[in-house]
Amino acid sequence: MDVKEHLRKMLRVEILEIEYKDDEIIVYVPKDQVKIAVGSGGTAVKAAELVLGKRIEVKGR
């Protein structure tokens, strides 16, 4: 399973685009799904960061 598919399943949103910068992954999702992707208190992003071993930033488009 590739990174995009992992993120889609973990964040439970549509992934529009992914950018890779050093130890960071920038994930672009639809604007109305940013809160879902981040999760309550950032839990969804933190869990994905632990699994992938990289910092994740979620941005809306």
Protein backbone atom coordinates (compact mmCIF):
# COMPACT_ATOMS: atom_id res chain seq x y z
CA MET A 1 0.00 0.00 0.00
CA ASP A 2 1.42 3.41 -0.92
CA VAL A 3 1.62 6.52 1.28
CA LYS A 4 -1.40 8.20 -0.33
CA GLU A 5 -3.58 5.16 0.32
CA HIS A 6 -2.33 4.89 3.93
CA LEU A 7 -3.13 8.55 4.53
CA ARG A 8 -6.55 8.26 2.91
CA LYS A 9 -7.47 5.39 5.22
CA MET A 10 -5.96 6.92 8.38
CA LEU A 11 -7.32 10.44 7.90
CA ARG A 12 -10.62 9.24 6.38
CA VAL A 13 -10.79 11.98 3.75
CA GLU A 14 -10.13 12.45 0.04
CA ILE A 15 -6.47 13.24 -0.66
CA LEU A 16 -6.09 15.78 -3.47
CA GLU A 17 -2.30 16.00 -3.51
CA ILE A 18 0.76 15.13 -1.44
CA GLU A 19 4.05 17.07 -1.27
CA TYR A 20 7.20 15.64 0.28
CA LYS A 21 9.67 18.01 1.96
CA ASP A 22 12.56 16.43 3.88
CA ASP A 23 10.95 14.89 7.00
CA GLU A 24 7.53 16.41 6.34
CA ILE A 25 4.53 15.43 4.27
CA ILE A 26 2.07 18.13 3.23
CA VAL A 27 -1.36 16.68 2.53
CA TYR A 28 -3.93 18.68 0.57
CA VAL A 29 -7.57 17.81 1.22
CA PRO A 30 -10.87 19.51 0.33
CA LYS A 31 -11.39 22.59 2.53
CA ASP A 32 -14.54 21.20 4.09
CA GLN A 33 -12.69 18.05 5.21
CA VAL A 34 -9.69 19.60 7.00
CA LYS A 35 -11.25 19.20 10.47
CA ILE A 36 -12.02 15.55 9.77
CA ALA A 37 -8.48 14.92 8.54
CA VAL A 38 -6.88 16.53 11.59
CA GLY A 39 -9.19 14.77 14.03
CA SER A 40 -10.25 15.81 17.50
CA GLY A 41 -7.26 17.51 19.11
CA GLY A 42 -5.09 16.42 16.20
CA THR A 43 -5.39 12.72 17.02
CA ALA A 44 -5.76 11.51 13.42
CA VAL A 45 -2.67 13.41 12.24
CA LYS A 46 -0.61 12.34 15.27
CA ALA A 47 -1.48 8.69 14.68
CA ALA A 48 -0.56 8.96 10.99
CA GLU A 49 2.74 10.64 11.94
CA LEU A 50 3.61 7.74 14.22
CA VAL A 51 2.84 5.16 11.54
CA LEU A 52 4.71 6.96 8.73
CA GLY A 53 7.53 8.39 10.87
CA LYS A 54 7.21 11.86 9.37
CA ARG A 55 5.61 15.15 10.39
CA ILE A 56 2.31 15.72 8.58
CA GLU A 57 0.71 19.06 7.75
CA VAL A 58 -2.86 19.14 6.45
CA LYS A 59 -3.95 21.98 4.18
CA GLY A 60 -7.29 22.66 2.54
CA ARG A 61 -7.89 23.39 -1.13
